[in-house]
């Protein structure tokens, strides 16, 4: 998987791209890509979302 702090550009292969935590689609070249981060048990955790809508729908 791609480093979550790196830019997602044209050179990212679909198999290496992060998947949306809501719809499970690979996130490639997405201007609406969102990452939600939090700290749990002294570790940074994160989830990728392909859009604000997917982020809002997650966990409903």
Protein backbone atom coordinates (compact mmCIF):
# COMPACT_ATOMS: atom_id res chain seq x y z
CA UNK A 1 0.00 0.00 0.00
CA UNK A 2 1.05 3.57 -0.63
CA UNK A 3 2.40 5.66 2.23
CA UNK A 4 -0.73 7.51 3.50
CA UNK A 5 1.20 10.79 3.69
CA UNK A 6 2.29 10.70 0.03
CA UNK A 7 0.49 12.32 -2.89
CA UNK A 8 -1.70 10.02 -4.96
CA UNK A 9 -0.78 10.63 -8.56
CA UNK A 10 -0.83 9.04 -11.99
CA UNK A 11 2.02 6.70 -11.15
CA UNK A 12 0.01 4.81 -8.50
CA UNK A 13 -1.03 1.36 -9.60
CA UNK A 14 -4.60 0.39 -8.69
CA UNK A 15 -3.32 -2.60 -6.70
CA UNK A 16 -1.17 -0.26 -4.56
CA UNK A 17 -3.78 2.45 -4.07
CA UNK A 18 -5.67 2.73 -0.79
CA UNK A 19 -9.31 1.62 -0.82
CA UNK A 20 -12.22 3.68 0.41
CA UNK A 21 -13.24 2.51 3.89
CA UNK A 22 -16.90 2.88 2.93
CA UNK A 23 -17.33 1.66 -0.67
CA UNK A 24 -14.04 -0.27 -0.98
CA UNK A 25 -13.18 1.30 -4.37
CA UNK A 26 -9.48 2.02 -5.02
CA UNK A 27 -8.67 5.71 -4.67
CA UNK A 28 -6.73 6.85 -7.72
CA UNK A 29 -6.41 10.44 -8.91
CA UNK A 30 -9.25 11.59 -6.67
CA UNK A 31 -9.53 15.30 -5.96
CA UNK A 32 -12.10 14.45 -3.29
CA UNK A 33 -9.89 11.92 -1.44
CA UNK A 34 -10.20 12.36 2.32
CA UNK A 35 -8.21 10.80 5.15
CA UNK A 36 -9.53 10.69 8.71
CA UNK A 37 -6.87 10.24 11.39
CA UNK A 38 -6.96 9.66 15.13
CA UNK A 39 -4.70 8.38 17.92
CA UNK A 40 -5.58 5.11 19.62
CA UNK A 41 -3.38 3.21 22.08
CA UNK A 42 -0.53 5.64 21.36
CA UNK A 43 -0.63 4.81 17.63
CA UNK A 44 -1.84 6.90 14.73
CA UNK A 45 -4.77 5.27 12.93
CA UNK A 46 -6.35 6.39 9.66
CA UNK A 47 -9.09 5.63 7.17
CA UNK A 48 -9.23 6.64 3.51
CA UNK A 49 -12.43 7.84 1.86
CA UNK A 50 -12.98 8.59 -1.83
CA UNK A 51 -15.36 11.49 -1.11
CA UNK A 52 -17.04 13.51 1.61
CA UNK A 53 -20.23 11.51 0.98
CA UNK A 54 -18.47 8.19 1.65
CA UNK A 55 -16.87 9.66 4.75
CA UNK A 56 -20.27 10.84 6.00
CA UNK A 57 -21.94 7.48 5.22
CA UNK A 58 -19.26 5.40 6.96
CA UNK A 59 -20.54 3.62 10.03
CA UNK A 60 -24.20 4.47 9.51
